[in-house]
Amino acid sequence: VVVMGEGDDTWPELARALETGSGLIDVLGIAVRNGAEVTQTPARPLPKDLDRLPLPAYELFGTGFGAPEDSPATIASVHCSSARSALVLHSARGCHYGCNFCPESKRNGPIRSLSVNRFVEHIIHFYELWGARNFVFGDSLFTFDGKRTIAICQELAERAPGIQWSAMTRTDRIDPEILEVM
């Protein structure tokens, strides 16, 4: 079984189908192999309201922030845009651009984002719970909405002083006002 697209709604439905023995063919957004035959179910619509999604259960993994040495996995990583161990979080999914070198533009459709408050709450959660201070905002284009970017930066400056973060953007999606608050 392969989950295609964004699995937020597909994974729980697939788990229920596997647990109850009901037909997988009714689960949207999967491909199932049966011998040499592969059956693909219709695509699942992308979730529009990302705020409705629960915070992932990261506590099931090693945190990388003082987690036990025998942790099975880590969610902190050294990211290409960060020279230090950092927690990668996404404030949005998708991209407005169709760059031929970028898989993001082919995969997730239009930009859908967490609200400013919900995204900042994610950061505060890790800041307070695990002492995380280094973050990479993994959005393909963090500054796609300048007003939203400014609001996030202002909230973080007020509620999580001392964190360090990095993000990806494009030069045509920044201006002096955004750079000042970043």
N, C-alpha and C. Protein backbone atom coordinates (compact mmCIF):
# COMPACT_ATOMS: atom_id res chain seq x y z
N VAL A 1 0.85 -1.17 0.00
CA VAL A 1 0.00 0.00 0.00
C VAL A 1 0.90 1.24 0.00
N VAL A 2 0.57 2.18 -0.87
CA VAL A 2 1.29 3.44 -0.94
C VAL A 2 0.27 4.56 -0.75
N VAL A 3 0.57 5.49 0.16
CA VAL A 3 -0.27 6.67 0.34
C VAL A 3 0.27 7.74 -0.61
N MET A 4 -0.61 8.28 -1.43
CA MET A 4 -0.21 9.29 -2.41
C MET A 4 -0.73 10.65 -1.99
N GLY A 5 0.06 11.68 -2.27
CA GLY A 5 -0.36 13.02 -1.89
C GLY A 5 -0.14 13.25 -0.39
N GLU A 6 -0.92 14.12 0.18
CA GLU A 6 -0.82 14.42 1.59
C GLU A 6 -1.63 13.41 2.39
N GLY A 7 -1.01 12.78 3.34
CA GLY A 7 -1.62 11.65 4.03
C GLY A 7 -2.36 11.97 5.30
N ASP A 8 -2.58 13.24 5.61
CA ASP A 8 -3.20 13.61 6.90
C ASP A 8 -4.53 12.92 7.13
N ASP A 9 -5.36 12.83 6.11
CA ASP A 9 -6.66 12.19 6.25
C ASP A 9 -6.62 10.74 5.76
N THR A 10 -5.69 10.44 4.86
CA THR A 10 -5.61 9.10 4.30
C THR A 10 -5.07 8.09 5.31
N TRP A 11 -4.01 8.44 6.03
CA TRP A 11 -3.41 7.51 6.97
C TRP A 11 -4.40 7.00 8.02
N PRO A 12 -5.13 7.86 8.71
CA PRO A 12 -6.09 7.34 9.70
C PRO A 12 -7.15 6.44 9.08
N GLU A 13 -7.64 6.82 7.90
CA GLU A 13 -8.65 6.00 7.23
C GLU A 13 -8.06 4.65 6.82
N LEU A 14 -6.83 4.66 6.33
CA LEU A 14 -6.15 3.42 5.94
C LEU A 14 -5.94 2.53 7.16
N ALA A 15 -5.52 3.11 8.28
CA ALA A 15 -5.31 2.32 9.51
C ALA A 15 -6.61 1.67 9.96
N ARG A 16 -7.71 2.42 9.91
CA ARG A 16 -9.01 1.85 10.29
C ARG A 16 -9.40 0.70 9.36
N ALA A 17 -9.17 0.89 8.06
CA ALA A 17 -9.52 -0.15 7.09
C ALA A 17 -8.69 -1.41 7.33
N LEU A 18 -7.41 -1.23 7.61
CA LEU A 18 -6.56 -2.39 7.87
C LEU A 18 -6.94 -3.09 9.18
N GLU A 19 -7.27 -2.28 10.18
CA GLU A 19 -7.64 -2.83 11.49
C GLU A 19 -8.95 -3.60 11.43
N THR A 20 -9.91 -3.09 10.69
CA THR A 20 -11.24 -3.73 10.64
C THR A 20 -11.36 -4.75 9.52
N GLY A 21 -10.38 -4.76 8.61
CA GLY A 21 -10.46 -5.69 7.49
C GLY A 21 -11.41 -5.25 6.40
N SER A 22 -11.83 -3.98 6.45
CA SER A 22 -12.73 -3.48 5.39
C SER A 22 -11.93 -3.25 4.12
N GLY A 23 -12.60 -3.01 3.03
CA GLY A 23 -11.94 -2.90 1.74
C GLY A 23 -11.07 -1.67 1.60
N LEU A 24 -9.84 -1.88 1.14
CA LEU A 24 -8.94 -0.77 0.91
C LEU A 24 -9.36 0.04 -0.30
N ILE A 25 -10.11 -0.53 -1.19
CA ILE A 25 -10.50 0.13 -2.42
C ILE A 25 -11.36 1.38 -2.16
N ASP A 26 -11.93 1.45 -0.96
CA ASP A 26 -12.75 2.62 -0.59
C ASP A 26 -11.94 3.76 0.01
N VAL A 27 -10.65 3.53 0.27
CA VAL A 27 -9.78 4.56 0.86
C VAL A 27 -9.24 5.43 -0.27
N LEU A 28 -9.55 6.71 -0.26
CA LEU A 28 -9.06 7.63 -1.28
C LEU A 28 -7.57 7.88 -1.11
N GLY A 29 -6.87 8.05 -2.22
CA GLY A 29 -5.48 8.49 -2.19
C GLY A 29 -4.46 7.40 -1.92
N ILE A 30 -4.73 6.17 -2.33
CA ILE A 30 -3.75 5.10 -2.13
C ILE A 30 -3.58 4.30 -3.43
N ALA A 31 -2.50 3.56 -3.48
CA ALA A 31 -2.28 2.56 -4.52
C ALA A 31 -2.03 1.25 -3.79
N VAL A 32 -2.65 0.18 -4.27
CA VAL A 32 -2.56 -1.12 -3.63
C VAL A 32 -2.07 -2.14 -4.65
N ARG A 33 -1.08 -2.90 -4.24
CA ARG A 33 -0.57 -3.95 -5.12
C ARG A 33 -1.11 -5.29 -4.66
N ASN A 34 -1.64 -6.03 -5.60
CA ASN A 34 -2.12 -7.38 -5.34
C ASN A 34 -1.50 -8.27 -6.41
N GLY A 35 -0.40 -8.93 -6.07
CA GLY A 35 0.34 -9.69 -7.06
C GLY A 35 0.97 -8.75 -8.06
N ALA A 36 0.71 -8.96 -9.33
CA ALA A 36 1.26 -8.10 -10.38
C ALA A 36 0.35 -6.91 -10.68
N GLU A 37 -0.83 -6.90 -10.10
CA GLU A 37 -1.81 -5.85 -10.39
C GLU A 37 -1.72 -4.73 -9.35
N VAL A 38 -1.69 -3.49 -9.83
CA VAL A 38 -1.70 -2.31 -8.97
C VAL A 38 -2.98 -1.55 -9.22
N THR A 39 -3.71 -1.29 -8.14
CA THR A 39 -4.96 -0.53 -8.24
C THR A 39 -4.75 0.80 -7.53
N GLN A 40 -5.10 1.87 -8.21
CA GLN A 40 -5.00 3.21 -7.64
C GLN A 40 -6.39 3.74 -7.39
N THR A 41 -6.65 4.18 -6.16
CA THR A 41 -7.95 4.77 -5.84
C THR A 41 -7.95 6.23 -6.26
N PRO A 42 -9.12 6.84 -6.38
CA PRO A 42 -9.16 8.27 -6.73
C PRO A 42 -8.37 9.12 -5.73
N ALA A 43 -7.82 10.22 -6.23
CA ALA A 43 -7.04 11.13 -5.38
C ALA A 43 -7.91 11.72 -4.28
N ARG A 44 -7.31 11.90 -3.13
CA ARG A 44 -8.01 12.56 -2.03
C ARG A 44 -7.80 14.06 -2.17
N PRO A 45 -8.85 14.84 -1.99
CA PRO A 45 -8.67 16.30 -2.04
C PRO A 45 -7.67 16.76 -0.96
N LEU A 46 -6.92 17.78 -1.29
CA LEU A 46 -5.96 18.32 -0.33
C LEU A 46 -6.71 18.97 0.83
N PRO A 47 -6.20 18.82 2.06
CA PRO A 47 -6.86 19.51 3.18
C PRO A 47 -6.72 21.02 3.01
N LYS A 48 -7.83 21.72 3.13
CA LYS A 48 -7.81 23.18 2.96
C LYS A 48 -7.53 23.89 4.27
N ASP A 49 -8.10 23.40 5.37
CA ASP A 49 -7.93 24.03 6.67
C ASP A 49 -6.86 23.29 7.45
N LEU A 50 -5.63 23.73 7.34
CA LEU A 50 -4.53 23.05 8.02
C LEU A 50 -4.60 23.22 9.54
N ASP A 51 -5.28 24.25 10.01
CA ASP A 51 -5.41 24.45 11.45
C ASP A 51 -6.19 23.32 12.12
N ARG A 52 -7.02 22.60 11.37
CA ARG A 52 -7.82 21.53 11.96
C ARG A 52 -6.99 20.28 12.24
N LEU A 53 -5.81 20.21 11.63
CA LEU A 53 -4.97 19.03 11.79
C LEU A 53 -4.29 19.05 13.16
N PRO A 54 -4.21 17.91 13.82
CA PRO A 54 -3.57 17.88 15.14
C PRO A 54 -2.06 18.07 15.01
N LEU A 55 -1.46 18.52 16.09
CA LEU A 55 -0.02 18.59 16.16
C LEU A 55 0.52 17.17 16.09
N PRO A 56 1.46 16.90 15.22
CA PRO A 56 1.99 15.53 15.14
C PRO A 56 2.52 15.06 16.49
N ALA A 57 2.45 13.77 16.73
CA ALA A 57 2.89 13.18 18.01
C ALA A 57 4.40 12.98 17.99
N TYR A 58 5.13 14.08 17.93
CA TYR A 58 6.58 14.02 17.86
C TYR A 58 7.19 13.34 19.09
N GLU A 59 6.45 13.34 20.19
CA GLU A 59 6.99 12.73 21.41
C GLU A 59 7.22 11.23 21.24
N LEU A 60 6.68 10.64 20.20
CA LEU A 60 6.91 9.22 19.93
C LEU A 60 8.31 8.96 19.36
N PHE A 61 8.98 10.02 18.97
CA PHE A 61 10.32 9.93 18.42
C PHE A 61 11.28 10.59 19.38
N GLY A 62 12.57 10.30 19.20
CA GLY A 62 13.58 11.06 19.93
C GLY A 62 13.54 12.49 19.43
N THR A 63 13.77 13.43 20.30
CA THR A 63 13.63 14.83 19.90
C THR A 63 14.90 15.41 19.33
N GLY A 64 16.05 14.86 19.72
CA GLY A 64 17.30 15.49 19.32
C GLY A 64 17.64 16.65 20.24
N PHE A 65 16.75 16.96 21.17
CA PHE A 65 16.98 18.02 22.14
C PHE A 65 17.11 17.39 23.52
N GLY A 66 18.20 16.68 23.74
CA GLY A 66 18.42 16.04 25.03
C GLY A 66 17.66 14.74 25.18
N ALA A 67 17.26 14.13 24.07
CA ALA A 67 16.54 12.86 24.13
C ALA A 67 17.49 11.74 24.53
N PRO A 68 16.97 10.63 25.04
CA PRO A 68 17.83 9.50 25.40
C PRO A 68 18.66 9.03 24.22
N GLU A 69 19.86 8.55 24.52
CA GLU A 69 20.77 8.09 23.47
C GLU A 69 20.18 6.98 22.62
N ASP A 70 19.30 6.16 23.22
CA ASP A 70 18.75 5.02 22.49
C ASP A 70 17.46 5.36 21.74
N SER A 71 17.19 6.64 21.55
CA SER A 71 15.99 7.04 20.82
C SER A 71 15.99 6.39 19.44
N PRO A 72 14.83 5.89 18.99
CA PRO A 72 14.77 5.22 17.70
C PRO A 72 14.90 6.15 16.51
N ALA A 73 14.64 7.41 16.71
CA ALA A 73 14.70 8.36 15.58
C ALA A 73 14.86 9.75 16.15
N THR A 74 15.06 10.69 15.31
CA THR A 74 15.17 12.08 15.76
C THR A 74 14.42 12.97 14.80
N ILE A 75 13.78 13.99 15.32
CA ILE A 75 13.09 14.93 14.45
C ILE A 75 13.90 16.19 14.26
N ALA A 76 14.99 16.32 15.02
CA ALA A 76 15.89 17.45 14.81
C ALA A 76 16.93 17.00 13.80
N SER A 77 17.29 17.88 12.90
CA SER A 77 18.27 17.51 11.89
C SER A 77 19.10 18.72 11.53
N VAL A 78 20.23 18.45 10.93
CA VAL A 78 21.01 19.54 10.38
C VAL A 78 20.47 19.76 8.98
N HIS A 79 19.85 20.89 8.78
CA HIS A 79 19.18 21.21 7.53
C HIS A 79 20.14 21.97 6.62
N CYS A 80 19.92 21.87 5.35
CA CYS A 80 20.83 22.50 4.39
C CYS A 80 20.94 24.01 4.59
N SER A 81 19.93 24.63 5.16
CA SER A 81 20.00 26.08 5.35
C SER A 81 20.36 26.44 6.79
N SER A 82 20.82 25.46 7.55
CA SER A 82 21.15 25.71 8.95
C SER A 82 22.41 24.92 9.30
N ALA A 83 23.39 25.59 9.83
CA ALA A 83 24.64 24.92 10.18
C ALA A 83 24.56 24.25 11.55
N ARG A 84 23.44 24.28 12.17
CA ARG A 84 23.28 23.68 13.50
C ARG A 84 22.07 22.75 13.50
N SER A 85 21.97 21.95 14.52
CA SER A 85 20.81 21.09 14.65
C SER A 85 19.58 21.96 14.82
N ALA A 86 18.55 21.67 14.05
CA ALA A 86 17.35 22.51 14.07
C ALA A 86 16.12 21.66 13.84
N LEU A 87 15.02 22.13 14.37
CA LEU A 87 13.74 21.48 14.17
C LEU A 87 13.08 22.08 12.92
N VAL A 88 12.71 21.23 11.97
CA VAL A 88 12.10 21.70 10.72
C VAL A 88 10.58 21.69 10.88
N LEU A 89 9.96 22.85 10.72
CA LEU A 89 8.51 22.99 10.79
C LEU A 89 8.02 23.70 9.53
N HIS A 90 6.81 23.38 9.13
CA HIS A 90 6.22 24.00 7.95
C HIS A 90 5.02 24.85 8.36
N SER A 91 4.98 26.08 7.87
CA SER A 91 3.83 26.95 8.15
C SER A 91 2.82 26.89 7.02
N ALA A 92 3.24 26.34 5.89
CA ALA A 92 2.36 26.28 4.72
C ALA A 92 2.77 25.11 3.84
N ARG A 93 1.86 24.76 2.94
CA ARG A 93 2.12 23.71 1.96
C ARG A 93 1.79 24.25 0.58
N GLY A 94 2.55 23.78 -0.39
CA GLY A 94 2.30 24.18 -1.77
C GLY A 94 3.17 25.34 -2.20
N CYS A 95 2.99 25.74 -3.43
CA CYS A 95 3.78 26.83 -4.00
C CYS A 95 3.03 27.46 -5.16
N HIS A 96 3.18 28.76 -5.31
CA HIS A 96 2.54 29.48 -6.42
C HIS A 96 3.28 29.28 -7.74
N TYR A 97 4.54 28.89 -7.66
CA TYR A 97 5.38 28.85 -8.84
C TYR A 97 5.48 27.44 -9.39
N GLY A 98 5.82 27.31 -10.63
CA GLY A 98 5.95 26.01 -11.29
C GLY A 98 7.37 25.78 -11.76
N CYS A 99 8.35 26.04 -10.91
CA CYS A 99 9.75 25.89 -11.31
C CYS A 99 10.03 24.44 -11.69
N ASN A 100 10.66 24.25 -12.84
CA ASN A 100 10.87 22.88 -13.32
C ASN A 100 11.92 22.12 -12.52
N PHE A 101 12.71 22.80 -11.69
CA PHE A 101 13.73 22.13 -10.89
C PHE A 101 13.23 21.76 -9.49
N CYS A 102 12.02 22.13 -9.15
CA CYS A 102 11.54 21.98 -7.77
C CYS A 102 10.38 20.99 -7.69
N PRO A 103 10.54 19.94 -6.89
CA PRO A 103 9.43 18.97 -6.77
C PRO A 103 8.21 19.54 -6.05
N GLU A 104 8.40 20.54 -5.22
CA GLU A 104 7.28 21.13 -4.46
C GLU A 104 6.20 21.68 -5.39
N SER A 105 6.62 22.28 -6.48
CA SER A 105 5.65 22.90 -7.39
C SER A 105 4.81 21.86 -8.13
N LYS A 106 5.27 20.63 -8.18
CA LYS A 106 4.54 19.57 -8.88
C LYS A 106 3.66 18.76 -7.94
N ARG A 107 3.85 18.90 -6.65
CA ARG A 107 3.31 17.95 -5.70
C ARG A 107 2.10 18.45 -4.92
N ASN A 108 2.11 19.65 -4.44
CA ASN A 108 1.14 20.03 -3.42
C ASN A 108 0.09 21.04 -3.83
N GLY A 109 0.03 21.46 -5.05
CA GLY A 109 -1.01 22.40 -5.45
C GLY A 109 -0.80 23.78 -4.88
N PRO A 110 -1.87 24.55 -4.78
CA PRO A 110 -1.77 25.94 -4.33
C PRO A 110 -1.36 26.04 -2.85
N ILE A 111 -0.87 27.19 -2.48
CA ILE A 111 -0.44 27.40 -1.09
C ILE A 111 -1.65 27.35 -0.15
N ARG A 112 -1.50 26.56 0.87
CA ARG A 112 -2.46 26.49 1.98
C ARG A 112 -1.64 26.64 3.25
N SER A 113 -2.06 27.48 4.16
CA SER A 113 -1.20 27.76 5.29
C SER A 113 -1.92 27.64 6.63
N LEU A 114 -1.10 27.38 7.64
CA LEU A 114 -1.59 27.46 9.01
C LEU A 114 -1.84 28.93 9.31
N SER A 115 -2.76 29.20 10.21
CA SER A 115 -2.93 30.58 10.66
C SER A 115 -1.67 31.00 11.41
N VAL A 116 -1.45 32.29 11.51
CA VAL A 116 -0.30 32.80 12.25
C VAL A 116 -0.29 32.23 13.65
N ASN A 117 -1.43 32.27 14.33
CA ASN A 117 -1.49 31.79 15.71
C ASN A 117 -1.15 30.31 15.81
N ARG A 118 -1.69 29.49 14.92
CA ARG A 118 -1.46 28.04 14.98
C ARG A 118 0.02 27.72 14.73
N PHE A 119 0.64 28.40 13.77
CA PHE A 119 2.05 28.15 13.51
C PHE A 119 2.92 28.56 14.69
N VAL A 120 2.64 29.73 15.24
CA VAL A 120 3.42 30.19 16.39
C VAL A 120 3.21 29.25 17.58
N GLU A 121 1.99 28.73 17.75
CA GLU A 121 1.73 27.76 18.82
C GLU A 121 2.59 26.51 18.66
N HIS A 122 2.79 26.04 17.43
CA HIS A 122 3.68 24.89 17.20
C HIS A 122 5.08 25.20 17.72
N ILE A 123 5.58 26.37 17.36
CA ILE A 123 6.94 26.75 17.77
C ILE A 123 7.02 26.87 19.29
N ILE A 124 6.04 27.53 19.89
CA ILE A 124 6.01 27.69 21.34
C ILE A 124 5.96 26.34 22.04
N HIS A 125 5.21 25.40 21.49
CA HIS A 125 5.11 24.05 22.05
C HIS A 125 6.50 23.44 22.19
N PHE A 126 7.29 23.48 21.13
CA PHE A 126 8.62 22.88 21.16
C PHE A 126 9.61 23.72 21.96
N TYR A 127 9.41 25.01 21.96
CA TYR A 127 10.24 25.94 22.73
C TYR A 127 10.08 25.65 24.23
N GLU A 128 8.84 25.50 24.67
CA GLU A 128 8.57 25.30 26.10
C GLU A 128 8.76 23.84 26.52
N LEU A 129 8.32 22.90 25.70
CA LEU A 129 8.37 21.49 26.08
C LEU A 129 9.77 20.91 26.02
N TRP A 130 10.50 21.19 24.94
CA TRP A 130 11.80 20.57 24.74
C TRP A 130 12.96 21.55 24.77
N GLY A 131 12.68 22.82 24.93
CA GLY A 131 13.76 23.79 24.93
C GLY A 131 14.34 24.04 23.54
N ALA A 132 13.58 23.72 22.51
CA ALA A 132 14.06 23.94 21.14
C ALA A 132 14.27 25.43 20.91
N ARG A 133 15.41 25.78 20.38
CA ARG A 133 15.73 27.18 20.11
C ARG A 133 16.09 27.44 18.66
N ASN A 134 16.34 26.38 17.90
CA ASN A 134 16.75 26.51 16.50
C ASN A 134 15.71 25.85 15.61
N PHE A 135 15.20 26.61 14.66
CA PHE A 135 14.14 26.13 13.77
C PHE A 135 14.48 26.44 12.33
N VAL A 136 14.04 25.58 11.45
CA VAL A 136 14.06 25.84 10.02
C VAL A 136 12.61 25.81 9.57
N PHE A 137 12.14 26.89 8.99
CA PHE A 137 10.80 26.92 8.44
C PHE A 137 10.91 26.34 7.02
N GLY A 138 10.41 25.14 6.86
CA GLY A 138 10.64 24.37 5.64
C GLY A 138 9.73 24.70 4.47
N ASP A 139 8.93 25.74 4.59
CA ASP A 139 8.06 26.15 3.48
C ASP A 139 8.92 26.41 2.24
N SER A 140 8.39 26.10 1.09
CA SER A 140 9.14 26.38 -0.14
C SER A 140 9.27 27.89 -0.37
N LEU A 141 8.35 28.67 0.19
CA LEU A 141 8.38 30.12 0.02
C LEU A 141 7.74 30.77 1.25
N PHE A 142 8.52 30.92 2.31
CA PHE A 142 8.01 31.41 3.58
C PHE A 142 7.38 32.79 3.47
N THR A 143 7.89 33.64 2.61
CA THR A 143 7.42 35.02 2.52
C THR A 143 6.38 35.24 1.42
N PHE A 144 5.67 34.17 1.03
CA PHE A 144 4.68 34.32 -0.05
C PHE A 144 3.64 35.38 0.28
N ASP A 145 3.30 35.55 1.56
CA ASP A 145 2.36 36.58 2.00
C ASP A 145 3.10 37.47 2.99
N GLY A 146 3.51 38.63 2.53
CA GLY A 146 4.32 39.52 3.35
C GLY A 146 3.69 39.90 4.68
N LYS A 147 2.40 40.19 4.68
CA LYS A 147 1.72 40.57 5.92
C LYS A 147 1.73 39.42 6.92
N ARG A 148 1.53 38.21 6.43
CA ARG A 148 1.55 37.02 7.28
C ARG A 148 2.96 36.80 7.85
N THR A 149 3.97 36.96 6.99
CA THR A 149 5.36 36.80 7.43
C THR A 149 5.68 37.79 8.55
N ILE A 150 5.28 39.02 8.37
CA ILE A 150 5.52 40.06 9.39
C ILE A 150 4.80 39.70 10.68
N ALA A 151 3.56 39.25 10.60
CA ALA A 151 2.80 38.89 11.79
C ALA A 151 3.47 37.72 12.54
N ILE A 152 3.95 36.72 11.79
CA ILE A 152 4.64 35.60 12.43
C ILE A 152 5.90 36.09 13.14
N CYS A 153 6.69 36.89 12.47
CA CYS A 153 7.93 37.41 13.05
C CYS A 153 7.66 38.24 14.30
N GLN A 154 6.65 39.07 14.27
CA GLN A 154 6.32 39.89 15.44
C GLN A 154 5.87 39.02 16.61
N GLU A 155 5.04 38.02 16.33
CA GLU A 155 4.59 37.10 17.39
C GLU A 155 5.77 36.35 18.00
N LEU A 156 6.67 35.88 17.16
CA LEU A 156 7.83 35.14 17.66
C LEU A 156 8.74 36.02 18.50
N ALA A 157 8.94 37.25 18.06
CA ALA A 157 9.79 38.16 18.83
C ALA A 157 9.20 38.40 20.21
N GLU A 158 7.88 38.46 20.30
CA GLU A 158 7.21 38.70 21.57
C GLU A 158 7.13 37.45 22.43
N ARG A 159 6.79 36.33 21.83
CA ARG A 159 6.47 35.12 22.61
C ARG A 159 7.61 34.11 22.73
N ALA A 160 8.60 34.20 21.86
CA ALA A 160 9.70 33.23 21.90
C ALA A 160 11.03 33.92 21.65
N PRO A 161 11.36 34.88 22.51
CA PRO A 161 12.64 35.58 22.30
C PRO A 161 13.79 34.59 22.44
N GLY A 162 14.80 34.82 21.66
CA GLY A 162 15.98 33.96 21.76
C GLY A 162 16.00 32.78 20.81
N ILE A 163 14.91 32.54 20.08
CA ILE A 163 14.99 31.45 19.10
C ILE A 163 15.73 31.95 17.87
N GLN A 164 16.31 31.02 17.16
CA GLN A 164 16.94 31.32 15.88
C GLN A 164 16.21 30.51 14.83
N TRP A 165 16.05 31.10 13.67
CA TRP A 165 15.36 30.38 12.61
C TRP A 165 15.87 30.80 11.25
N SER A 166 15.63 29.95 10.29
CA SER A 166 15.95 30.27 8.91
C SER A 166 14.77 29.82 8.05
N ALA A 167 14.69 30.37 6.86
CA ALA A 167 13.59 30.06 5.96
C ALA A 167 14.03 30.31 4.52
N MET A 168 13.30 29.69 3.60
CA MET A 168 13.58 29.90 2.18
C MET A 168 12.60 30.93 1.62
N THR A 169 13.11 31.73 0.69
CA THR A 169 12.27 32.72 0.03
C THR A 169 12.83 33.00 -1.36
N ARG A 170 12.28 33.96 -2.00
CA ARG A 170 12.77 34.44 -3.29
C ARG A 170 13.01 35.94 -3.16
N THR A 171 13.95 36.46 -3.91
CA THR A 171 14.26 37.89 -3.80
C THR A 171 13.09 38.77 -4.22
N ASP A 172 12.23 38.25 -5.09
CA ASP A 172 11.08 39.06 -5.51
C ASP A 172 9.92 38.97 -4.51
N ARG A 173 10.09 38.24 -3.41
CA ARG A 173 9.03 38.11 -2.40
C ARG A 173 9.46 38.71 -1.06
N ILE A 174 10.45 39.58 -1.06
CA ILE A 174 10.86 40.28 0.16
C ILE A 174 10.99 41.76 -0.15
N ASP A 175 10.92 42.54 0.90
CA ASP A 175 11.10 43.98 0.77
C ASP A 175 11.71 44.47 2.08
N PRO A 176 12.09 45.75 2.15
CA PRO A 176 12.74 46.27 3.37
C PRO A 176 11.90 46.05 4.64
N GLU A 177 10.59 46.19 4.55
CA GLU A 177 9.74 46.01 5.73
C GLU A 177 9.81 44.56 6.26
N ILE A 178 9.76 43.61 5.36
CA ILE A 178 9.85 42.20 5.77
C ILE A 178 11.24 41.92 6.33
N LEU A 179 12.27 42.39 5.66
CA LEU A 179 13.64 42.13 6.12
C LEU A 179 13.88 42.74 7.50
N GLU A 180 13.32 43.88 7.74
CA GLU A 180 13.49 44.56 9.04
C GLU A 180 12.94 43.70 10.18
N VAL A 181 11.78 43.14 10.00
CA VAL A 181 11.15 42.36 11.08
C VAL A 181 11.74 40.95 11.18
N MET A 182 12.26 40.44 10.05
CA MET A 182 12.88 39.13 10.09
C MET A 182 14.17 39.21 10.90
